[in-house]
Amino acid sequence: MIRRSTLAWTTAALALCAASTAFAQSDREVVESTVARSANVCPGHSKDRTTPTVKLVPVGGLRVLLDKGLVMCPDRRLDPDAPAVWYGQWGVYAWNPEVADAGKVVAAQIDKMTRDESFPTDTLVWGPKGEELKNRTVPAFEPRPGAAVRVKVH
């Protein structure tokens, strides 16, 4: 009887350790996973353009993005007066890395949206100071061919 009890405790402890290590990536691993997801999905990705903005987002927000399958994509097609976008149908945050503070704007919006877990299916556009722009036309999001992205139909 003692052996079964010991074996059960050992098995339970190992299962708990395995579950916690799979769930608890280090902050560095979370950043790397977010950048890797961007590399798989975003046609405008380069490590030099993506990584600095990913590092602006609090790690808790990045964990939510990874958990929900959301992506961060640099997109130089976005206008300087509308440099940050949420493509709700695709689950993609985009920013123009050539516009000063566009990364800060998108990072602030990601932080806000991941805290209250509000991810509308609409497209949201923000100006260079973080103000929401209404009735603004932006380029359509186009993932890399063969990329796995979520698509929500209205």
Protein backbone atom coordinates (compact mmCIF):
# COMPACT_ATOMS: atom_id res chain seq x y z
CA MET A 1 0.00 0.00 0.00
CA ILE A 2 2.85 2.36 0.79
CA ARG A 3 4.38 1.80 -2.65
CA ARG A 4 1.16 2.71 -4.44
CA SER A 5 0.81 5.87 -2.39
CA THR A 6 4.41 6.87 -3.04
CA LEU A 7 4.06 6.09 -6.73
CA ALA A 8 0.85 8.12 -6.93
CA TRP A 9 2.49 11.12 -5.24
CA THR A 10 5.56 10.89 -7.45
CA THR A 11 3.43 10.67 -10.59
CA ALA A 12 1.28 13.60 -9.47
CA ALA A 13 4.37 15.70 -8.66
CA LEU A 14 5.94 14.97 -12.05
CA ALA A 15 2.70 15.80 -13.87
CA LEU A 16 2.42 19.07 -11.95
CA CYS A 17 6.02 20.01 -12.76
CA ALA A 18 5.56 19.22 -16.44
CA ALA A 19 2.38 21.29 -16.61
CA SER A 20 3.93 24.26 -14.85
CA THR A 21 7.04 24.34 -17.06
CA ALA A 22 4.95 24.18 -20.22
CA PHE A 23 2.75 27.02 -19.01
CA ALA A 24 5.45 29.20 -17.50
CA GLN A 25 7.74 30.33 -20.28
CA SER A 26 10.35 32.86 -19.29
CA ASP A 27 9.83 36.46 -20.37
CA ARG A 28 12.55 36.05 -23.00
CA GLU A 29 10.85 32.93 -24.40
CA VAL A 30 7.51 34.79 -24.59
CA VAL A 31 9.15 37.60 -26.60
CA GLU A 32 10.88 35.07 -28.87
CA SER A 33 7.63 33.15 -29.43
CA THR A 34 5.79 36.36 -30.32
CA VAL A 35 8.51 37.34 -32.82
CA ALA A 36 8.48 33.82 -34.29
CA ARG A 37 4.69 33.99 -34.74
CA SER A 38 5.14 37.30 -36.54
CA ALA A 39 7.78 35.73 -38.80
CA ASN A 40 5.33 32.99 -39.78
CA VAL A 41 2.36 35.27 -40.49
CA CYS A 42 3.54 38.75 -41.47
CA PRO A 43 4.82 39.57 -44.95
CA GLY A 44 6.54 42.72 -43.62
CA HIS A 45 8.34 40.93 -40.80
CA SER A 46 11.99 41.33 -40.08
CA LYS A 47 13.52 40.74 -36.69
CA ASP A 48 14.88 44.31 -36.69
CA ARG A 49 11.43 45.83 -37.27
CA THR A 50 9.36 43.50 -35.10
CA THR A 51 11.42 42.86 -31.96
CA PRO A 52 11.67 46.45 -30.62
CA THR A 53 7.89 46.88 -30.66
CA VAL A 54 7.24 43.42 -29.21
CA LYS A 55 9.54 44.37 -26.31
CA LEU A 56 7.39 47.47 -25.63
CA VAL A 57 4.36 45.28 -24.78
CA PRO A 58 4.15 44.03 -21.18
CA VAL A 59 4.89 40.30 -21.01
CA GLY A 60 1.42 39.61 -19.60
CA GLY A 61 -0.07 41.11 -22.76
CA LEU A 62 2.23 39.01 -24.94
CA ARG A 63 1.11 35.89 -23.08
CA VAL A 64 -2.52 36.76 -23.87
CA LEU A 65 -1.64 37.31 -27.54
CA LEU A 66 0.03 33.92 -27.76
CA ASP A 67 -2.78 32.21 -25.86
CA LYS A 68 -5.43 33.66 -28.17
CA GLY A 69 -3.44 33.24 -31.39
CA LEU A 70 -3.15 37.00 -32.03
CA VAL A 71 -0.26 38.44 -34.03
CA MET A 72 1.85 41.61 -34.19
CA CYS A 73 2.88 42.66 -37.73
CA PRO A 74 4.99 45.58 -38.90
CA ASP A 75 3.46 47.10 -42.05
CA ARG A 76 5.22 49.92 -43.86
CA ARG A 77 2.13 50.43 -46.08
CA LEU A 78 0.31 52.20 -43.23
CA ASP A 79 0.16 56.00 -43.58
CA PRO A 80 2.13 58.19 -41.15
CA ASP A 81 -1.12 59.81 -39.97
CA ALA A 82 -2.70 56.36 -39.30
CA PRO A 83 0.27 54.20 -38.28
CA ALA A 84 -1.40 51.62 -36.01
CA VAL A 85 -4.25 49.20 -36.77
CA TRP A 86 -6.14 46.31 -35.20
CA TYR A 87 -7.47 43.97 -37.90
CA GLY A 88 -10.13 42.31 -35.76
CA GLN A 89 -11.25 39.81 -38.36
CA TRP A 90 -7.71 38.45 -38.58
CA GLY A 91 -6.59 38.97 -34.98
CA VAL A 92 -3.64 41.10 -36.10
CA TYR A 93 -2.10 44.26 -34.67
CA ALA A 94 -0.12 46.22 -37.28
CA TRP A 95 2.05 49.32 -37.10
CA ASN A 96 4.30 51.26 -39.42
CA PRO A 97 7.81 50.78 -38.00
CA GLU A 98 9.06 53.83 -39.93
CA VAL A 99 6.74 56.20 -38.05
CA ALA A 100 8.09 57.53 -34.77
CA ASP A 101 6.05 56.29 -31.79
CA ALA A 102 3.83 53.97 -33.90
CA GLY A 103 5.26 51.05 -31.93
CA LYS A 104 4.41 52.79 -28.66
CA VAL A 105 0.85 53.43 -29.88
CA VAL A 106 0.24 49.80 -30.85
CA ALA A 107 1.91 48.54 -27.65
CA ALA A 108 -0.38 50.74 -25.53
CA GLN A 109 -3.45 49.49 -27.41
CA ILE A 110 -2.35 45.87 -27.01
CA ASP A 111 -1.83 46.44 -23.28
CA LYS A 112 -5.28 47.99 -22.95
CA MET A 113 -7.10 45.38 -25.04
CA THR A 114 -5.39 42.38 -23.42
CA ARG A 115 -6.15 43.68 -19.92
CA ASP A 116 -9.90 43.85 -20.56
CA GLU A 117 -9.81 41.07 -23.19
CA SER A 118 -11.82 43.11 -25.67
CA PHE A 119 -10.98 42.02 -29.18
CA PRO A 120 -13.67 43.37 -31.51
CA THR A 121 -14.04 41.93 -35.00
CA ASP A 122 -14.02 45.45 -36.47
CA THR A 123 -10.91 47.13 -37.82
CA LEU A 124 -9.66 49.87 -35.46
CA VAL A 125 -7.23 52.57 -36.59
CA TRP A 126 -5.12 54.84 -34.37
CA GLY A 127 -3.26 58.05 -35.11
CA PRO A 128 0.36 58.80 -34.19
CA LYS A 129 -0.65 60.03 -30.72
CA GLY A 130 -2.90 57.06 -29.97
CA GLU A 131 -6.21 58.71 -30.83
CA GLU A 132 -8.78 56.44 -32.49
CA LEU A 133 -9.50 57.45 -36.07
CA LYS A 134 -13.04 56.87 -37.36
CA ASN A 135 -14.00 56.14 -40.97
CA ARG A 136 -10.38 55.66 -41.97
CA THR A 137 -9.38 53.45 -44.88
CA VAL A 138 -6.24 51.36 -44.41
CA PRO A 139 -4.58 48.69 -46.58
CA ALA A 140 -6.10 45.24 -46.17
CA PHE A 141 -4.16 42.75 -44.12
CA GLU A 142 -2.60 40.03 -46.23
CA PRO A 143 -0.90 37.16 -44.38
CA ARG A 144 2.06 35.28 -45.81
CA PRO A 145 0.88 32.57 -48.19
CA GLY A 146 0.09 29.43 -46.21
CA ALA A 147 0.18 31.20 -42.84
CA ALA A 148 -2.22 29.95 -40.19
CA VAL A 149 -4.26 32.89 -38.87
CA ARG A 150 -7.61 33.08 -37.23
CA VAL A 151 -10.43 34.52 -39.28
CA LYS A 152 -13.69 35.65 -37.72
CA VAL A 153 -16.63 36.17 -40.01
CA HIS A 154 -18.97 39.02 -39.09
